Amino acid sequence: PTAVTYEPGSKLFMFTDGLIETRDSSIDDDLRRLTDYLQTQLGADVASMSDKVLEDFAVVGDQPDDIALLAAHLE
């Protein structure tokens, strides 16, 4: 197990690779794209952020993947 410290008010996002993985880029590039995107959404609540992430990142096409997303606002 890895211990992680956080500041109260932090937001936690956990997800499966189906949310971001594409055939056209590396998983590292896809993860960076999501991280950069989330940085622009920090003022929003986690429910809105989750909805927006699913809307903008969920791959729709001929080979969809299962997606799981867990988001929490840490107190």
Protein backbone atom coordinates (compact mmCIF):
# COMPACT_ATOMS: atom_id res chain seq x y z
CA PRO A 1 0.00 0.00 0.00
CA THR A 2 1.03 3.56 -0.68
CA ALA A 3 0.11 6.31 1.75
CA VAL A 4 -0.85 9.65 0.26
CA THR A 5 -1.33 12.87 2.17
CA TYR A 6 -3.78 15.50 1.03
CA GLU A 7 -5.07 18.90 2.00
CA PRO A 8 -8.69 19.21 3.15
CA GLY A 9 -10.76 20.22 0.14
CA SER A 10 -8.67 18.14 -2.27
CA LYS A 11 -10.42 16.25 -5.04
CA LEU A 12 -9.67 12.61 -5.80
CA PHE A 13 -10.34 10.99 -9.17
CA MET A 14 -9.83 7.28 -9.79
CA PHE A 15 -10.69 5.72 -13.12
CA THR A 16 -10.04 2.81 -15.41
CA ASP A 17 -8.03 3.19 -18.58
CA GLY A 18 -11.19 2.93 -20.66
CA LEU A 19 -11.86 6.59 -19.84
CA ILE A 20 -8.75 7.93 -21.52
CA GLU A 21 -7.01 5.26 -23.59
CA THR A 22 -7.03 5.83 -27.33
CA ARG A 23 -5.39 3.99 -30.19
CA ASP A 24 -3.88 7.18 -31.58
CA SER A 25 -1.66 8.10 -28.61
CA SER A 26 0.22 6.59 -25.70
CA ILE A 27 -1.44 6.07 -22.33
CA ASP A 28 1.04 8.58 -20.88
CA ASP A 29 -0.12 11.23 -23.35
CA ASP A 30 -3.76 10.37 -22.64
CA LEU A 31 -3.18 10.65 -18.88
CA ARG A 32 -1.40 13.99 -19.32
CA ARG A 33 -4.33 15.26 -21.37
CA LEU A 34 -6.75 14.32 -18.57
CA THR A 35 -4.53 15.81 -15.87
CA ASP A 36 -4.22 19.08 -17.79
CA TYR A 37 -7.98 19.11 -18.34
CA LEU A 38 -8.77 18.53 -14.65
CA GLN A 39 -6.49 21.43 -13.70
CA THR A 40 -8.80 23.74 -15.67
CA GLN A 41 -11.85 22.44 -13.77
CA LEU A 42 -10.64 22.81 -10.16
CA GLY A 43 -13.30 25.38 -9.26
CA ALA A 44 -16.16 23.00 -10.08
CA ASP A 45 -17.67 20.47 -7.69
CA VAL A 46 -16.72 16.82 -8.20
CA ALA A 47 -20.13 15.85 -9.57
CA SER A 48 -19.91 18.50 -12.30
CA MET A 49 -16.27 17.62 -12.98
CA SER A 50 -17.19 13.94 -13.30
CA ASP A 51 -20.04 14.66 -15.69
CA LYS A 52 -17.82 16.89 -17.81
CA VAL A 53 -14.94 14.37 -17.85
CA LEU A 54 -17.27 11.57 -18.93
CA GLU A 55 -18.78 13.79 -21.59
CA ASP A 56 -15.43 14.95 -22.98
CA PHE A 57 -13.24 11.87 -22.53
CA ALA A 58 -15.35 8.74 -22.83
CA VAL A 59 -14.34 7.21 -26.14
CA VAL A 60 -17.29 6.49 -28.36
CA GLY A 61 -16.77 4.52 -31.49
CA ASP A 62 -16.40 1.09 -32.98
CA GLN A 63 -14.43 -0.27 -30.00
CA PRO A 64 -15.82 1.22 -26.78
CA ASP A 65 -14.22 0.17 -23.50
CA ASP A 66 -15.69 -0.26 -20.03
CA ILE A 67 -15.31 2.87 -17.90
CA ALA A 68 -15.32 3.24 -14.14
CA LEU A 69 -14.90 6.63 -12.47
CA LEU A 70 -14.85 7.37 -8.75
CA ALA A 71 -14.56 10.98 -7.63
CA ALA A 72 -14.52 12.37 -4.10
CA HIS A 73 -14.15 15.72 -2.39
CA LEU A 74 -11.89 15.03 0.58
CA GLU A 75 -12.54 16.79 3.88
